[in-house]
Amino acid sequence: MEGFLVALVVSFGVIFVAELGDKSQLMALTFATRFKPLPVLIGITVATAVVHLASVAIGSGLGAVLPTEWISLVAGVAFLGFGAWTLRGDKLTEEEKRKAEKTSKTAIVAVSVAFFLAELGDKTMLATITLATKYGWFGTWLGSTVGMVAADALAILVGRMLGRRLPERTIRYGAAVLFAISGLWLILEAVNELT
């Protein structure tokens, strides 16, 4: 049970912070201006659950094959890369904005499909794969899914209530720092195991 809770808490925290200011969070805001919040959240949850289930399957498979100290080292370097990626920031392209604004299908299906496609190869997917190499698959899947949905729900709530976005620069820097700290911690842990 302890391993499950660690995986749940770590995955929730990492993915929640990684999602802040991410392209898919901006999509959630855009969808929330067109549809009611509940169908948007249901669509986000369905897409996230599917993508992150695939991510933990990939990560667990890698974790079973590779030695743990090398996984920690690679994960640490990956987290430093995610921090740099987060600093760069994400923006919706005009085409992505148009798709989110002009969808004629039902809200749940439209949001699910859009989020599924947007998340493939995204930093939250890659972070979930990385986390699953180190922690249990179920806790990682549940934590990463709930973390992403919570971050997107926050964006929808704040966007709808305040009519403006969260301070993007502050969020981006905070997320990058969290990734850097996590990456350095994993690298130090791997170096200690290797020596």
C-alpha atoms as a PDB file:
ATOM      1  CA  MET A   1       0.000   0.000   0.000  1.00  0.00           C
ATOM      2  CA  GLU A   2       2.885   2.370   0.772  1.00  0.00           C
ATOM      3  CA  GLY A   3       4.292   2.018  -2.769  1.00  0.00           C
ATOM      4  CA  PHE A   4       0.871   2.771  -4.233  1.00  0.00           C
ATOM      5  CA  LEU A   5       0.523   5.953  -2.148  1.00  0.00           C
ATOM      6  CA  VAL A   6       4.002   7.164  -3.078  1.00  0.00           C
ATOM      7  CA  ALA A   7       3.292   6.559  -6.771  1.00  0.00           C
ATOM      8  CA  LEU A   8      -0.083   8.291  -6.460  1.00  0.00           C
ATOM      9  CA  VAL A   9       1.228  11.384  -4.666  1.00  0.00           C
ATOM     10  CA  VAL A  10       4.396  11.804  -6.741  1.00  0.00           C
ATOM     11  CA  SER A  11       2.554  11.286 -10.039  1.00  0.00           C
ATOM     12  CA  PHE A  12      -0.256  13.635  -9.050  1.00  0.00           C
ATOM     13  CA  GLY A  13       2.179  16.380  -8.058  1.00  0.00           C
ATOM     14  CA  VAL A  14       4.476  16.078 -11.053  1.00  0.00           C
ATOM     15  CA  ILE A  15       1.689  15.891 -13.646  1.00  0.00           C
ATOM     16  CA  PHE A  16      -0.420  18.617 -11.994  1.00  0.00           C
ATOM     17  CA  VAL A  17       2.514  21.037 -12.141  1.00  0.00           C
ATOM     18  CA  ALA A  18       3.562  19.891 -15.628  1.00  0.00           C
ATOM     19  CA  GLU A  19       0.059  20.524 -16.955  1.00  0.00           C
ATOM     20  CA  LEU A  20      -0.056  24.123 -15.700  1.00  0.00           C
ATOM     21  CA  GLY A  21       0.392  26.350 -18.735  1.00  0.00           C
ATOM     22  CA  ASP A  22       0.540  23.344 -21.081  1.00  0.00           C
ATOM     23  CA  LYS A  23      -1.079  23.345 -24.516  1.00  0.00           C
ATOM     24  CA  SER A  24      -3.824  20.956 -23.443  1.00  0.00           C
ATOM     25  CA  GLN A  25      -4.703  23.220 -20.508  1.00  0.00           C
ATOM     26  CA  LEU A  26      -5.125  26.060 -22.985  1.00  0.00           C
ATOM     27  CA  MET A  27      -7.366  23.744 -25.017  1.00  0.00           C
ATOM     28  CA  ALA A  28      -9.455  23.092 -21.890  1.00  0.00           C
ATOM     29  CA  LEU A  29      -9.945  26.826 -21.466  1.00  0.00           C
ATOM     30  CA  THR A  30     -10.964  27.172 -25.108  1.00  0.00           C
ATOM     31  CA  PHE A  31     -13.436  24.278 -24.920  1.00  0.00           C
ATOM     32  CA  ALA A  32     -14.897  25.719 -21.710  1.00  0.00           C
ATOM     33  CA  THR A  33     -15.828  28.897 -23.564  1.00  0.00           C
ATOM     34  CA  ARG A  34     -17.870  26.843 -26.051  1.00  0.00           C
ATOM     35  CA  PHE A  35     -19.274  23.989 -23.933  1.00  0.00           C
ATOM     36  CA  LYS A  36     -20.451  23.517 -20.362  1.00  0.00           C
ATOM     37  CA  PRO A  37     -17.636  22.624 -17.921  1.00  0.00           C
ATOM     38  CA  LEU A  38     -18.881  19.114 -16.980  1.00  0.00           C
ATOM     39  CA  PRO A  39     -18.810  17.610 -20.514  1.00  0.00           C
ATOM     40  CA  VAL A  40     -15.388  19.208 -21.040  1.00  0.00           C
ATOM     41  CA  LEU A  41     -14.074  17.600 -17.831  1.00  0.00           C
ATOM     42  CA  ILE A  42     -15.567  14.224 -18.770  1.00  0.00           C
ATOM     43  CA  GLY A  43     -13.902  14.392 -22.188  1.00  0.00           C
ATOM     44  CA  ILE A  44     -10.565  15.382 -20.639  1.00  0.00           C
ATOM     45  CA  THR A  45     -10.832  12.536 -18.113  1.00  0.00           C
ATOM     46  CA  VAL A  46     -11.583   9.890 -20.759  1.00  0.00           C
ATOM     47  CA  ALA A  47      -8.710  10.969 -23.024  1.00  0.00           C
ATOM     48  CA  THR A  48      -6.249  11.352 -20.160  1.00  0.00           C
ATOM     49  CA  ALA A  49      -7.113   7.965 -18.651  1.00  0.00           C
ATOM     50  CA  VAL A  50      -6.502   6.218 -21.989  1.00  0.00           C
ATOM     51  CA  VAL A  51      -3.256   8.041 -22.848  1.00  0.00           C
ATOM     52  CA  HIS A  52      -1.825   7.628 -19.356  1.00  0.00           C
ATOM     53  CA  LEU A  53      -2.770   3.941 -19.246  1.00  0.00           C
ATOM     54  CA  ALA A  54      -0.702   3.438 -22.400  1.00  0.00           C
ATOM     55  CA  SER A  55       2.077   5.545 -20.855  1.00  0.00           C
ATOM     56  CA  VAL A  56       2.302   3.461 -17.673  1.00  0.00           C
ATOM     57  CA  ALA A  57       2.265   0.264 -19.730  1.00  0.00           C
ATOM     58  CA  ILE A  58       5.276   1.513 -21.686  1.00  0.00           C
ATOM     59  CA  GLY A  59       7.015   2.749 -18.529  1.00  0.00           C
ATOM     60  CA  SER A  60       6.352  -0.440 -16.565  1.00  0.00           C
ATOM     61  CA  GLY A  61       7.672  -2.520 -19.440  1.00  0.00           C
ATOM     62  CA  LEU A  62      10.872  -0.507 -19.539  1.00  0.00           C
ATOM     63  CA  GLY A  63      11.168  -0.689 -15.753  1.00  0.00           C
ATOM     64  CA  ALA A  64      10.990  -4.501 -15.824  1.00  0.00           C
ATOM     65  CA  VAL A  65      13.744  -4.789 -18.438  1.00  0.00           C
ATOM     66  CA  LEU A  66      16.262  -2.119 -17.444  1.00  0.00           C
ATOM     67  CA  PRO A  67      18.339  -1.912 -14.224  1.00  0.00           C
ATOM     68  CA  THR A  68      16.801   0.530 -11.702  1.00  0.00           C
ATOM     69  CA  GLU A  69      19.898   2.683 -11.195  1.00  0.00           C
ATOM     70  CA  TRP A  70      20.129   3.389 -14.936  1.00  0.00           C
ATOM     71  CA  ILE A  71      16.400   4.106 -15.050  1.00  0.00           C
ATOM     72  CA  SER A  72      16.841   6.675 -12.263  1.00  0.00           C
ATOM     73  CA  LEU A  73      19.713   8.293 -14.147  1.00  0.00           C
ATOM     74  CA  VAL A  74      17.772   8.468 -17.429  1.00  0.00           C
ATOM     75  CA  ALA A  75      14.645   9.649 -15.591  1.00  0.00           C
ATOM     76  CA  GLY A  76      16.636  12.409 -13.893  1.00  0.00           C
ATOM     77  CA  VAL A  77      18.042  13.617 -17.202  1.00  0.00           C
ATOM     78  CA  ALA A  78      14.545  13.386 -18.738  1.00  0.00           C
ATOM     79  CA  PHE A  79      13.107  15.506 -15.913  1.00  0.00           C
ATOM     80  CA  LEU A  80      15.780  18.151 -16.505  1.00  0.00           C
ATOM     81  CA  GLY A  81      14.708  18.101 -20.162  1.00  0.00           C
ATOM     82  CA  PHE A  82      11.043  18.438 -19.132  1.00  0.00           C
ATOM     83  CA  GLY A  83      12.031  21.464 -17.055  1.00  0.00           C
ATOM     84  CA  ALA A  84      13.660  23.088 -20.073  1.00  0.00           C
ATOM     85  CA  TRP A  85      10.633  22.188 -22.217  1.00  0.00           C
ATOM     86  CA  THR A  86       8.365  23.778 -19.606  1.00  0.00           C
ATOM     87  CA  LEU A  87      10.410  27.000 -19.665  1.00  0.00           C
ATOM     88  CA  ARG A  88       9.926  27.166 -23.415  1.00  0.00           C
ATOM     89  CA  GLY A  89       6.156  27.095 -22.901  1.00  0.00           C
ATOM     90  CA  ASP A  90       3.304  25.940 -25.115  1.00  0.00           C
ATOM     91  CA  LYS A  91       0.936  27.899 -27.312  1.00  0.00           C
ATOM     92  CA  LEU A  92      -2.091  26.795 -29.267  1.00  0.00           C
ATOM     93  CA  THR A  93      -1.670  27.108 -33.010  1.00  0.00           C
ATOM     94  CA  GLU A  94      -4.405  28.867 -34.960  1.00  0.00           C
ATOM     95  CA  GLU A  95      -5.525  25.498 -36.353  1.00  0.00           C
ATOM     96  CA  GLU A  96      -5.817  24.012 -32.837  1.00  0.00           C
ATOM     97  CA  LYS A  97      -7.829  27.060 -31.697  1.00  0.00           C
ATOM     98  CA  ARG A  98     -10.175  26.720 -34.673  1.00  0.00           C
ATOM     99  CA  LYS A  99     -10.723  23.009 -33.988  1.00  0.00           C
ATOM    100  CA  ALA A 100     -11.504  23.692 -30.347  1.00  0.00           C
ATOM    101  CA  GLU A 101     -13.854  26.567 -31.164  1.00  0.00           C
ATOM    102  CA  LYS A 102     -15.716  25.142 -34.174  1.00  0.00           C
ATOM    103  CA  THR A 103     -16.418  21.592 -33.160  1.00  0.00           C
ATOM    104  CA  SER A 104     -19.890  20.426 -34.196  1.00  0.00           C
ATOM    105  CA  LYS A 105     -19.792  16.970 -32.529  1.00  0.00           C
ATOM    106  CA  THR A 106     -20.975  16.408 -29.009  1.00  0.00           C
ATOM    107  CA  ALA A 107     -18.777  18.058 -26.404  1.00  0.00           C
ATOM    108  CA  ILE A 108     -17.541  14.876 -24.717  1.00  0.00           C
ATOM    109  CA  VAL A 109     -16.502  13.202 -27.971  1.00  0.00           C
ATOM    110  CA  ALA A 110     -14.943  16.384 -29.338  1.00  0.00           C
ATOM    111  CA  VAL A 111     -12.932  17.066 -26.199  1.00  0.00           C
ATOM    112  CA  SER A 112     -11.889  13.403 -25.813  1.00  0.00           C
ATOM    113  CA  VAL A 113     -10.581  13.151 -29.370  1.00  0.00           C
ATOM    114  CA  ALA A 114      -8.845  16.539 -29.267  1.00  0.00           C
ATOM    115  CA  PHE A 115      -7.164  15.804 -25.928  1.00  0.00           C
ATOM    116  CA  PHE A 116      -6.159  12.284 -26.930  1.00  0.00           C
ATOM    117  CA  LEU A 117      -4.402  13.601 -30.030  1.00  0.00           C
ATOM    118  CA  ALA A 118      -2.865  16.575 -28.205  1.00  0.00           C
ATOM    119  CA  GLU A 119      -1.434  14.368 -25.448  1.00  0.00           C
ATOM    120  CA  LEU A 120       0.333  11.878 -27.721  1.00  0.00           C
ATOM    121  CA  GLY A 121       4.036  12.635 -27.311  1.00  0.00           C
ATOM    122  CA  ASP A 122       3.336  15.568 -24.956  1.00  0.00           C
ATOM    123  CA  LYS A 123       5.522  16.196 -21.909  1.00  0.00           C
ATOM    124  CA  THR A 124       2.840  14.898 -19.530  1.00  0.00           C
ATOM    125  CA  MET A 125       2.729  11.600 -21.445  1.00  0.00           C
ATOM    126  CA  LEU A 126       6.522  11.345 -21.405  1.00  0.00           C
ATOM    127  CA  ALA A 127       6.643  12.275 -17.705  1.00  0.00           C
ATOM    128  CA  THR A 128       4.074   9.556 -16.951  1.00  0.00           C
ATOM    129  CA  ILE A 129       6.182   6.997 -18.828  1.00  0.00           C
ATOM    130  CA  THR A 130       9.215   8.126 -16.831  1.00  0.00           C
ATOM    131  CA  LEU A 131       7.357   7.916 -13.505  1.00  0.00           C
ATOM    132  CA  ALA A 132       6.032   4.440 -14.339  1.00  0.00           C
ATOM    133  CA  THR A 133       9.579   3.112 -14.771  1.00  0.00           C
ATOM    134  CA  LYS A 134      10.204   3.946 -11.111  1.00  0.00           C
ATOM    135  CA  TYR A 135       6.852   3.557  -9.345  1.00  0.00           C
ATOM    136  CA  GLY A 136       3.931   1.136  -9.495  1.00  0.00           C
ATOM    137  CA  TRP A 137       1.758   1.323 -12.598  1.00  0.00           C
ATOM    138  CA  PHE A 138      -1.648   1.708 -10.915  1.00  0.00           C
ATOM    139  CA  GLY A 139      -0.652   4.504  -8.536  1.00  0.00           C
ATOM    140  CA  THR A 140       1.199   6.276 -11.338  1.00  0.00           C
ATOM    141  CA  TRP A 141      -1.767   5.949 -13.704  1.00  0.00           C
ATOM    142  CA  LEU A 142      -4.305   7.124 -11.143  1.00  0.00           C
ATOM    143  CA  GLY A 143      -2.121   9.958  -9.826  1.00  0.00           C
ATOM    144  CA  SER A 144      -1.135  11.245 -13.267  1.00  0.00           C
ATOM    145  CA  THR A 145      -4.722  11.085 -14.556  1.00  0.00           C
ATOM    146  CA  VAL A 146      -6.179  12.867 -11.527  1.00  0.00           C
ATOM    147  CA  GLY A 147      -3.325  15.406 -11.536  1.00  0.00           C
ATOM    148  CA  MET A 148      -3.920  16.343 -15.146  1.00  0.00           C
ATOM    149  CA  VAL A 149      -7.698  16.526 -14.797  1.00  0.00           C
ATOM    150  CA  ALA A 150      -7.334  18.652 -11.629  1.00  0.00           C
ATOM    151  CA  ALA A 151      -4.992  21.107 -13.392  1.00  0.00           C
ATOM    152  CA  ASP A 152      -7.360  21.376 -16.351  1.00  0.00           C
ATOM    153  CA  ALA A 153     -10.368  21.785 -14.037  1.00  0.00           C
ATOM    154  CA  LEU A 154      -8.514  24.589 -12.285  1.00  0.00           C
ATOM    155  CA  ALA A 155      -7.921  26.299 -15.636  1.00  0.00           C
ATOM    156  CA  ILE A 156     -11.584  25.976 -16.569  1.00  0.00           C
ATOM    157  CA  LEU A 157     -12.755  27.255 -13.186  1.00  0.00           C
ATOM    158  CA  VAL A 158     -10.354  30.181 -13.026  1.00  0.00           C
ATOM    159  CA  GLY A 159     -10.868  31.007 -16.706  1.00  0.00           C
ATOM    160  CA  ARG A 160     -14.640  31.035 -16.381  1.00  0.00           C
ATOM    161  CA  MET A 161     -14.807  32.837 -13.033  1.00  0.00           C
ATOM    162  CA  LEU A 162     -12.120  35.446 -13.500  1.00  0.00           C
ATOM    163  CA  GLY A 163     -12.216  35.774 -17.271  1.00  0.00           C
ATOM    164  CA  ARG A 164      -8.432  35.643 -17.518  1.00  0.00           C
ATOM    165  CA  ARG A 165      -5.626  33.107 -17.410  1.00  0.00           C
ATOM    166  CA  LEU A 166      -3.308  32.247 -14.569  1.00  0.00           C
ATOM    167  CA  PRO A 167      -0.019  34.192 -14.652  1.00  0.00           C
ATOM    168  CA  GLU A 168       1.651  32.049 -17.290  1.00  0.00           C
ATOM    169  CA  ARG A 169       5.249  33.094 -16.647  1.00  0.00           C
ATOM    170  CA  THR A 170       5.136  32.355 -12.897  1.00  0.00           C
ATOM    171  CA  ILE A 171       3.504  28.973 -13.453  1.00  0.00           C
ATOM    172  CA  ARG A 172       6.013  28.065 -16.159  1.00  0.00           C
ATOM    173  CA  TYR A 173       8.998  28.939 -13.949  1.00  0.00           C
ATOM    174  CA  GLY A 174       7.543  27.123 -10.937  1.00  0.00           C
ATOM    175  CA  ALA A 175       6.917  23.971 -12.986  1.00  0.00           C
ATOM    176  CA  ALA A 176      10.429  24.125 -14.475  1.00  0.00           C
ATOM    177  CA  VAL A 177      11.965  24.409 -10.994  1.00  0.00           C
ATOM    178  CA  LEU A 178       9.949  21.407  -9.762  1.00  0.00           C
ATOM    179  CA  PHE A 179      11.124  19.337 -12.742  1.00  0.00           C
ATOM    180  CA  ALA A 180      14.747  20.428 -12.183  1.00  0.00           C
ATOM    181  CA  ILE A 181      14.627  19.531  -8.473  1.00  0.00           C
ATOM    182  CA  SER A 182      13.048  16.146  -9.250  1.00  0.00           C
ATOM    183  CA  GLY A 183      15.612  15.509 -11.989  1.00  0.00           C
ATOM    184  CA  LEU A 184      18.585  16.361  -9.788  1.00  0.00           C
ATOM    185  CA  TRP A 185      17.187  14.215  -6.976  1.00  0.00           C
ATOM    186  CA  LEU A 186      16.819  11.209  -9.330  1.00  0.00           C
ATOM    187  CA  ILE A 187      20.326  11.720 -10.745  1.00  0.00           C
ATOM    188  CA  LEU A 188      21.855  11.883  -7.243  1.00  0.00           C
ATOM    189  CA  GLU A 189      19.936   8.766  -6.254  1.00  0.00           C
ATOM    190  CA  ALA A 190      21.208   6.933  -9.361  1.00  0.00           C
ATOM    191  CA  VAL A 191      24.808   8.011  -8.792  1.00  0.00           C
ATOM    192  CA  ASN A 192      24.631   6.777  -5.190  1.00  0.00           C
ATOM    193  CA  GLU A 193      23.291   3.391  -6.398  1.00  0.00           C
ATOM    194  CA  LEU A 194      25.936   3.094  -9.128  1.00  0.00           C
ATOM    195  CA  THR A 195      28.903   3.839  -6.815  1.00  0.00           C
END
